[in-house]
Structure formats: structure tokens, C-alpha cells
Amino acid sequence: MLRHEDLAQEYVIDSRGLVVLFPEPANQKAEAIMKSAQMTLENHVSRQLEPETLVEDTLVLTIEEAEKNKILSEYGTKANVYTLNEFVGSDGEIPNPYGKPLTAYGECYEILRELIKELAEKLKLHCGGRIMTGKVIVMDHPLITHKINYVRQENVGTKEFREVIGEIAQLMCYEATRDLKMSDVQIKTPLMEMTGKMLSGKKLAIVPILRAGIGMVDGMLSLIPAAKVGHIGLYRDPETLEPVEYYCKLPADCEEREVFVVDPMLATGGSSVAAIRMLKEKGVKHIRFLCILAAPEGVKKMQEAHPDVDIYIGALDEKLNDHGYIVPGLGDAGDRIFGTK
């Protein structure tokens, strides 16, 4: 199906099995469904997945979570391995039609067809040989712009600075949660019953990078109060400007959650890149990064290190100075939030 989509550039698309004792033709019922959709499996034969095919720029998509886990545990792969649902951001299930009537194969085809369309849109973001599923969003909301420029002023005191940073985080959270999954629910109002939509899908978590990231947490919790909060402690070595880890405490089920990593400043990008790497090492797959100010150097580093992570930016500034600070910037966000200036 993917070969019939417009992918904007050429990909090598293939299928493999995890347990293939000998080559077999396609299932007859699956072939019948594909023929009815003007596609063919006539020359398809099953082939074993080999470790040498799993290189860094290989994207592996499985139907079931168990298949993904088997590849990760037994193949020692450096490839990107996801379930199809996970990769496109769907919370649905793909039913296994094997041994069932032809209608079950038809139902499975319809689900796969929609997922493949979403997959094709993701692959159009391919860049430089890497799968670029993430996007960079620079906020243009007037309230965000006004509040950021207000706190840039050097005469804004600690109390007011802290409060406005929370307000900016709240507004950015509103923008960054526009595509959260929703599902239909039955609601009984005082007048009648109706079908409405409410949030569904993955639970949420907020992970501030200490210490300045703490200043964004309350503003976000005001909109998503059920989110759990973790903490990652990193500081920037004043000589090398590289991040040094000193603390990490996350919700026990963090790998099952949509995680919002927050830090007011994306300067060199070192701390943010390291924090997200720590999360991925702990099994977290769905990550978004929110910062109030960013420098182009930090954005570039983040995109290169974590091309699958969406980056939400309040304002994109000009550059870094010789000391690694964003200019024009707003100074040291941590010092201004906590009054340690």
C-alpha cells in the first residue's frame, strides 16, 4: 500500500518476517482483498528479517508491540523501531485477521489504509537520510509575544518575572496540545443526551529541566492538572558549555506517557539534547519540547540529535554570544525566576 502513496522522494520499501522457515506466497484472502483495491501480491514471498538490514537509517514498523520488542531485544538494532500505530500517533488497534473470514481481512485493510496514509505524510518530512517526524513551531500569538517582550526588560522584578513566565508557559501549553487525541463520549446534559469529544489516548507528563524549567510547570498544570511531573537535573559546565547530569526522577509509567520537556531557554542545546536522550534511554517514545526563547544554534542541534521531537518556541532570537547566552535574550532565566541574580 505504501508504494502507491506519493512520498515526494524515493524509498526502499520492503517486508520481512521474524520467523520464516521457508519462502511462502501471500495469504490468499489477503491477496483477494488487495486485488479488489487494484493492488497485487502476486509476486510476494515471505522473507526473514536479517540483522545486517537494520542500519541507522532503516525505519522498521511492526503491527504488534510484541514484534517490536522482539526486534529490539534480539537484533541489537540501531534502526528506528516502532509499531505502526505508535509511529503515526494512533491509539487504535490493528486486528489480526489470520484464520478469520474474508470480511475480517477487509476490515483490517481499511484500518491499514488509513494508517498508511498517515505514514506517508510522516515520511514526507524525511530529511538528509533521517526520519524527520518532528516539527519546529515558533509561536506567533500576540499574548505570548507581548509577555515575552515584557519579561525581557531588565527592571522586571523576581515576583513579576516568575508569574509572567508561568503565564507564558500556560499559553504555550494551549498551543502545544492542539493535536491531543480525542474520542467520542456519551454525555447527559440537564436537557438531553449527546455525543461529544473528550481527551483520550496517552496520559501526559511534564518534565522540567532543573532548575529554570520548574518555572514553567505550574502554568502548564493549570491546563493539564492530571499530568504527572518528573525532574531532570542538568547544569552547563561554564568552561566547556556541555551538560552535566546530577538528578533524574520520573513517573514510573513515563514510557507510556506523552512527555512535555520544558526549559525556558534553548541556547546551545546541550542540556535539552542530553535530557531528551536520558528520557529515550528510559523507554520514552513520545516527547515534545517547549522553550520560551531559543537561539538558532540550539534549534539546529536539537533537530540533528532528536529529529523525531516536536519543538515549540515562544520566540526565536538572533544568536548566541561568546558566553553561550541567547541575545537579545532575557538574561539568566533561572536567576531571574528564583531571585539568585
Protein backbone atom coordinates (compact mmCIF):
# COMPACT_ATOMS: atom_id res chain seq x y z
CA MET A 1 0.00 0.00 0.00
CA LEU A 2 2.80 2.41 0.85
CA ARG A 3 4.25 2.03 -2.65
CA HIS A 4 1.02 3.51 -4.02
CA GLU A 5 1.38 6.71 -1.97
CA ASP A 6 3.09 9.91 -3.14
CA LEU A 7 6.16 10.09 -0.90
CA ALA A 8 7.87 13.06 -2.61
CA GLN A 9 11.13 11.08 -2.81
CA GLU A 10 12.29 7.52 -3.36
CA TYR A 11 12.38 4.94 -0.57
CA VAL A 12 13.33 1.28 -0.47
CA ILE A 13 10.13 -0.34 0.85
CA ASP A 14 10.14 -4.00 1.82
CA SER A 15 8.52 -6.50 4.19
CA ARG A 16 10.13 -9.12 6.39
CA GLY A 17 9.06 -11.78 8.89
CA LEU A 18 10.51 -12.72 12.26
CA VAL A 19 10.01 -16.48 11.88
CA VAL A 20 10.27 -17.62 8.25
CA LEU A 21 11.19 -21.28 7.85
CA PHE A 22 10.81 -21.24 4.06
CA PRO A 23 9.53 -18.75 1.45
CA GLU A 24 5.74 -18.71 1.19
CA PRO A 25 3.37 -16.81 -1.11
CA ALA A 26 0.93 -14.26 0.29
CA ASN A 27 -2.19 -15.39 2.14
CA GLN A 28 -4.95 -15.99 -0.42
CA LYS A 29 -7.53 -13.94 1.47
CA ALA A 30 -5.11 -11.02 1.82
CA GLU A 31 -4.36 -11.27 -1.91
CA ALA A 32 -8.08 -11.21 -2.74
CA ILE A 33 -8.58 -8.03 -0.70
CA MET A 34 -5.60 -6.36 -2.34
CA LYS A 35 -6.86 -7.28 -5.81
CA SER A 36 -10.23 -5.71 -5.02
CA ALA A 37 -8.30 -2.50 -4.27
CA GLN A 38 -6.44 -2.70 -7.61
CA MET A 39 -3.21 -3.83 -5.95
CA THR A 40 -1.45 -7.16 -6.18
CA LEU A 41 0.58 -9.52 -4.00
CA GLU A 42 1.15 -11.92 -6.89
CA ASN A 43 4.97 -11.98 -6.67
CA HIS A 44 5.21 -11.55 -2.90
CA VAL A 45 7.02 -14.21 -0.85
CA SER A 46 7.84 -14.15 2.84
CA ARG A 47 11.46 -13.45 3.82
CA GLN A 48 13.30 -13.47 7.15
CA LEU A 49 14.40 -10.22 8.77
CA GLU A 50 18.21 -10.24 8.81
CA PRO A 51 20.34 -8.21 11.28
CA GLU A 52 22.50 -6.73 8.52
CA THR A 53 19.48 -4.93 7.05
CA LEU A 54 18.98 -2.97 10.28
CA VAL A 55 21.23 0.04 9.83
CA GLU A 56 20.95 3.53 11.32
CA ASP A 57 18.72 4.97 8.60
CA THR A 58 16.36 1.97 8.49
CA LEU A 59 12.82 2.53 9.74
CA VAL A 60 11.18 -0.67 11.00
CA LEU A 61 7.41 -0.68 11.54
CA THR A 62 5.65 -3.62 13.17
CA ILE A 63 1.99 -4.43 13.62
CA GLU A 64 2.22 -5.63 17.22
CA GLU A 65 4.12 -4.42 20.27
CA ALA A 66 5.48 -7.93 20.85
CA GLU A 67 7.14 -7.91 17.42
CA LYS A 68 8.78 -4.55 18.14
CA ASN A 69 10.08 -5.78 21.49
CA LYS A 70 11.48 -8.95 19.91
CA ILE A 71 13.45 -6.92 17.35
CA LEU A 72 14.78 -4.55 20.00
CA SER A 73 15.82 -7.36 22.35
CA GLU A 74 17.18 -9.94 19.88
CA TYR A 75 18.60 -7.96 16.99
CA GLY A 76 20.61 -5.31 18.85
CA THR A 77 19.48 -2.82 16.26
CA LYS A 78 20.44 0.82 15.78
CA ALA A 79 17.45 1.28 13.48
CA ASN A 80 14.29 3.19 14.37
CA VAL A 81 11.81 0.53 15.50
CA TYR A 82 8.16 1.40 16.21
CA THR A 83 4.74 -0.13 15.91
CA LEU A 84 2.83 1.41 13.00
CA ASN A 85 0.26 2.88 15.38
CA GLU A 86 2.99 4.32 17.59
CA PHE A 87 4.85 5.93 14.70
CA VAL A 88 1.83 7.73 13.25
CA GLY A 89 0.45 8.64 16.69
CA SER A 90 -2.68 6.48 16.65
CA ASP A 91 -4.13 4.79 19.72
CA GLY A 92 -6.25 2.29 17.79
CA GLU A 93 -5.62 -1.41 17.31
CA ILE A 94 -4.84 -3.34 14.16
CA PRO A 95 -6.85 -6.59 14.32
CA ASN A 96 -5.17 -9.84 13.31
CA PRO A 97 -7.41 -11.41 10.63
CA TYR A 98 -5.50 -14.70 10.35
CA GLY A 99 -7.84 -17.70 10.39
CA LYS A 100 -10.93 -15.48 10.15
CA PRO A 101 -13.41 -14.89 7.28
CA LEU A 102 -12.63 -12.67 4.29
CA THR A 103 -14.61 -9.82 5.86
CA ALA A 104 -12.05 -9.67 8.70
CA TYR A 105 -9.30 -9.16 6.12
CA GLY A 106 -11.35 -6.37 4.57
CA GLU A 107 -11.77 -4.64 7.93
CA CYS A 108 -8.03 -4.95 8.59
CA TYR A 109 -7.28 -3.48 5.15
CA GLU A 110 -9.45 -0.41 5.82
CA ILE A 111 -7.63 0.27 9.11
CA LEU A 112 -4.23 -0.21 7.50
CA ARG A 113 -5.16 2.01 4.56
CA GLU A 114 -5.82 4.98 6.86
CA LEU A 115 -2.65 4.34 8.85
CA ILE A 116 -0.58 4.10 5.67
CA LYS A 117 -1.92 7.47 4.53
CA GLU A 118 -0.77 8.99 7.83
CA LEU A 119 2.56 7.20 7.46
CA ALA A 120 3.06 8.70 4.01
CA GLU A 121 2.55 12.19 5.44
CA LYS A 122 5.18 11.48 8.10
CA LEU A 123 7.67 10.24 5.54
CA LYS A 124 7.32 13.41 3.51
CA LEU A 125 9.24 15.07 6.34
CA HIS A 126 12.27 12.89 5.58
CA CYS A 127 15.43 14.99 5.61
CA GLY A 128 19.10 14.20 4.96
CA GLY A 129 18.69 10.45 5.26
CA ARG A 130 16.95 10.64 8.67
CA ILE A 131 13.30 10.31 9.54
CA MET A 132 12.18 13.81 10.48
CA THR A 133 8.88 13.24 12.25
CA GLY A 134 9.23 16.29 14.45
CA LYS A 135 8.43 19.88 13.62
CA VAL A 136 9.52 23.31 14.83
CA ILE A 137 6.75 25.72 15.80
CA VAL A 138 7.58 29.33 16.63
CA MET A 139 4.60 30.89 18.41
CA ASP A 140 3.03 33.96 16.86
CA HIS A 141 0.21 34.53 19.34
CA PRO A 142 0.09 38.24 20.33
CA LEU A 143 -0.25 37.47 24.04
CA ILE A 144 2.82 35.21 24.01
CA THR A 145 4.85 37.78 22.09
CA HIS A 146 3.76 40.62 24.40
CA LYS A 147 4.53 38.72 27.61
CA ILE A 148 7.93 37.52 26.38
CA ASN A 149 8.97 41.03 25.45
CA TYR A 150 7.68 42.28 28.79
CA VAL A 151 9.91 39.92 30.81
CA ARG A 152 12.92 40.77 28.65
CA GLN A 153 13.06 44.13 30.42
CA GLU A 154 15.84 44.24 32.99
CA ASN A 155 13.72 46.16 35.51
CA VAL A 156 11.10 43.39 35.92
CA GLY A 157 11.39 42.02 39.47
CA THR A 158 11.58 38.39 40.58
CA LYS A 159 7.93 38.02 41.64
CA GLU A 160 6.55 39.50 38.44
CA PHE A 161 9.07 37.68 36.24
CA ARG A 162 8.12 34.33 37.80
CA GLU A 163 4.40 34.98 37.40
CA VAL A 164 4.66 36.03 33.76
CA ILE A 165 6.89 33.06 32.89
CA GLY A 166 4.09 30.84 34.25
CA GLU A 167 1.54 32.70 32.13
CA ILE A 168 3.68 32.24 29.01
CA ALA A 169 4.02 28.52 29.77
CA GLN A 170 0.24 28.26 30.12
CA LEU A 171 -0.32 29.90 26.73
CA MET A 172 2.35 27.74 25.10
CA CYS A 173 0.81 24.62 26.61
CA TYR A 174 -2.50 25.58 25.00
CA GLU A 175 -0.80 25.80 21.61
CA ALA A 176 1.29 22.64 22.08
CA THR A 177 -1.70 20.45 22.95
CA ARG A 178 -3.79 21.27 19.87
CA ASP A 179 -3.36 17.77 18.41
CA LEU A 180 -4.01 15.65 21.50
CA LYS A 181 -6.15 12.64 20.69
CA MET A 182 -9.90 12.83 21.37
CA SER A 183 -12.68 10.27 21.25
CA ASP A 184 -16.47 10.30 21.24
CA VAL A 185 -18.21 10.00 24.61
CA GLN A 186 -21.86 9.96 25.60
CA ILE A 187 -22.86 12.95 27.71
CA LYS A 188 -26.11 13.63 29.54
CA THR A 189 -26.75 17.35 29.89
CA PRO A 190 -29.63 18.77 32.01
CA LEU A 191 -31.64 18.89 28.75
CA MET A 192 -30.72 15.83 26.69
CA GLU A 193 -28.16 13.17 25.84
CA MET A 194 -25.48 13.94 23.25
CA THR A 195 -22.24 12.66 21.76
CA GLY A 196 -19.25 14.88 22.47
CA LYS A 197 -15.49 14.61 22.33
CA MET A 198 -13.10 14.38 25.27
CA LEU A 199 -9.39 13.69 25.63
CA SER A 200 -8.31 10.10 25.16
CA GLY A 201 -5.15 8.26 24.34
CA LYS A 202 -1.87 8.61 26.13
CA LYS A 203 -1.59 10.12 29.59
CA LEU A 204 0.60 13.20 29.98
CA ALA A 205 3.75 14.09 31.89
CA ILE A 206 5.69 17.32 32.33
CA VAL A 207 9.45 17.06 32.82
CA PRO A 208 11.23 20.34 33.61
CA ILE A 209 14.98 20.60 33.21
CA LEU A 210 16.24 21.89 36.55
CA ARG A 211 16.29 24.44 37.69
CA ALA A 212 14.75 27.03 35.38
CA GLY A 213 12.26 24.56 33.90
CA ILE A 214 10.40 24.49 37.21
CA GLY A 215 9.17 27.99 36.44
CA MET A 216 7.05 26.63 33.57
CA VAL A 217 5.42 23.72 35.42
CA ASP A 218 2.58 25.43 37.31
CA GLY A 219 1.41 27.28 34.22
CA MET A 220 1.14 24.02 32.31
CA LEU A 221 -0.50 22.17 35.20
CA SER A 222 -3.24 24.80 35.25
CA LEU A 223 -4.37 23.41 31.87
CA ILE A 224 -3.42 19.73 32.26
CA PRO A 225 -3.75 19.15 36.03
CA ALA A 226 -3.78 15.34 35.75
CA ALA A 227 -0.28 15.30 34.23
CA LYS A 228 2.46 13.74 36.35
CA VAL A 229 5.67 15.68 36.89
CA GLY A 230 9.22 14.34 36.66
CA HIS A 231 12.51 16.21 37.03
CA ILE A 232 15.83 16.10 35.23
CA GLY A 233 18.80 17.90 36.76
CA LEU A 234 21.45 19.19 34.39
CA TYR A 235 23.81 22.12 34.63
CA ARG A 236 26.04 23.64 31.99
CA ASP A 237 29.76 23.46 32.63
CA PRO A 238 30.94 27.10 32.49
CA GLU A 239 34.16 26.12 30.73
CA THR A 240 33.02 23.57 28.14
CA LEU A 241 29.34 24.67 27.99
CA GLU A 242 28.49 20.93 27.95
CA PRO A 243 25.67 19.49 30.14
CA VAL A 244 26.41 17.57 33.33
CA GLU A 245 23.71 15.32 34.84
CA TYR A 246 23.11 15.38 38.58
CA TYR A 247 19.47 14.24 39.05
CA CYS A 248 16.72 12.28 37.30
CA LYS A 249 13.37 11.29 38.81
CA LEU A 250 10.49 10.30 36.50
CA PRO A 251 6.96 8.88 36.88
CA ALA A 252 7.06 5.07 37.00
CA ASP A 253 4.95 4.80 33.82
CA CYS A 254 6.70 7.63 32.00
CA GLU A 255 7.39 5.49 28.91
CA GLU A 256 3.63 5.17 28.38
CA ARG A 257 3.00 8.92 28.53
CA GLU A 258 3.17 11.86 26.17
CA VAL A 259 6.02 13.82 27.75
CA PHE A 260 6.45 17.59 27.62
CA VAL A 261 10.06 18.53 28.37
CA VAL A 262 10.27 22.19 29.42
CA ASP A 263 13.11 24.66 29.79
CA PRO A 264 12.73 28.43 29.33
CA MET A 265 15.91 28.72 27.25
CA LEU A 266 17.20 26.67 24.31
CA ALA A 267 20.69 28.16 23.98
CA THR A 268 23.47 25.79 22.90
CA GLY A 269 21.00 22.90 23.03
CA GLY A 270 23.36 20.74 25.08
CA SER A 271 21.15 20.35 28.17
CA SER A 272 17.97 19.77 26.18
CA VAL A 273 19.61 17.20 23.91
CA ALA A 274 21.02 15.37 26.94
CA ALA A 275 17.70 15.45 28.82
CA ILE A 276 15.77 14.00 25.91
CA ARG A 277 18.45 11.36 25.38
CA MET A 278 18.01 10.34 29.04
CA LEU A 279 14.26 10.01 28.53
CA LYS A 280 14.69 7.88 25.42
CA GLU A 281 17.13 5.61 27.25
CA LYS A 282 14.37 5.02 29.79
CA GLY A 283 11.94 3.98 27.04
CA VAL A 284 10.05 7.24 26.48
CA LYS A 285 8.92 7.49 22.84
CA HIS A 286 6.52 10.43 22.66
CA ILE A 287 8.31 13.66 23.53
CA ARG A 288 7.63 17.34 22.88
CA PHE A 289 9.98 20.14 23.88
CA LEU A 290 8.81 23.60 24.96
CA CYS A 291 11.04 26.63 25.46
CA ILE A 292 10.27 30.32 25.80
CA LEU A 293 13.36 31.60 23.97
CA ALA A 294 15.61 29.80 21.51
CA ALA A 295 18.76 30.52 19.54
CA PRO A 296 19.15 29.11 16.02
CA GLU A 297 22.24 27.18 17.15
CA GLY A 298 20.24 25.31 19.80
CA VAL A 299 17.35 24.54 17.46
CA LYS A 300 19.76 23.10 14.89
CA LYS A 301 21.47 20.92 17.49
CA MET A 302 18.12 19.63 18.77
CA GLN A 303 16.90 18.77 15.29
CA GLU A 304 20.10 16.93 14.47
CA ALA A 305 20.10 14.93 17.72
CA HIS A 306 16.35 14.30 18.05
CA PRO A 307 14.64 14.67 14.66
CA ASP A 308 11.52 12.94 16.00
CA VAL A 309 10.79 15.56 18.69
CA ASP A 310 8.42 18.49 18.14
CA ILE A 311 9.93 21.79 19.31
CA TYR A 312 7.65 24.61 20.48
CA ILE A 313 9.33 28.02 20.76
CA GLY A 314 7.91 31.21 22.25
CA ALA A 315 10.35 33.46 20.37
CA LEU A 316 13.35 32.68 18.16
CA ASP A 317 16.18 35.11 18.91
CA GLU A 318 19.16 36.25 16.87
CA LYS A 319 22.14 34.18 18.08
CA LEU A 320 24.38 33.12 20.98
CA ASN A 321 27.07 35.41 22.33
CA ASP A 322 30.61 34.32 23.23
CA HIS A 323 29.43 33.17 26.66
CA GLY A 324 26.68 30.92 25.27
CA TYR A 325 23.82 33.27 26.21
CA ILE A 326 20.90 33.97 23.88
CA VAL A 327 20.88 37.54 22.53
CA PRO A 328 18.99 39.76 22.77
CA GLY A 329 17.52 37.24 25.24
CA LEU A 330 16.32 37.99 28.76
CA GLY A 331 19.37 37.15 30.85
CA ASP A 332 19.68 34.03 33.03
CA ALA A 333 16.13 32.67 33.35
CA GLY A 334 16.94 30.59 36.45
CA ASP A 335 18.45 33.51 38.32
CA ARG A 336 15.54 35.78 37.42
CA ILE A 337 12.88 33.18 38.37
CA PHE A 338 14.42 32.36 41.76
CA GLY A 339 15.97 35.72 42.64
CA THR A 340 19.55 34.47 42.71
CA LYS A 341 20.73 37.11 40.28
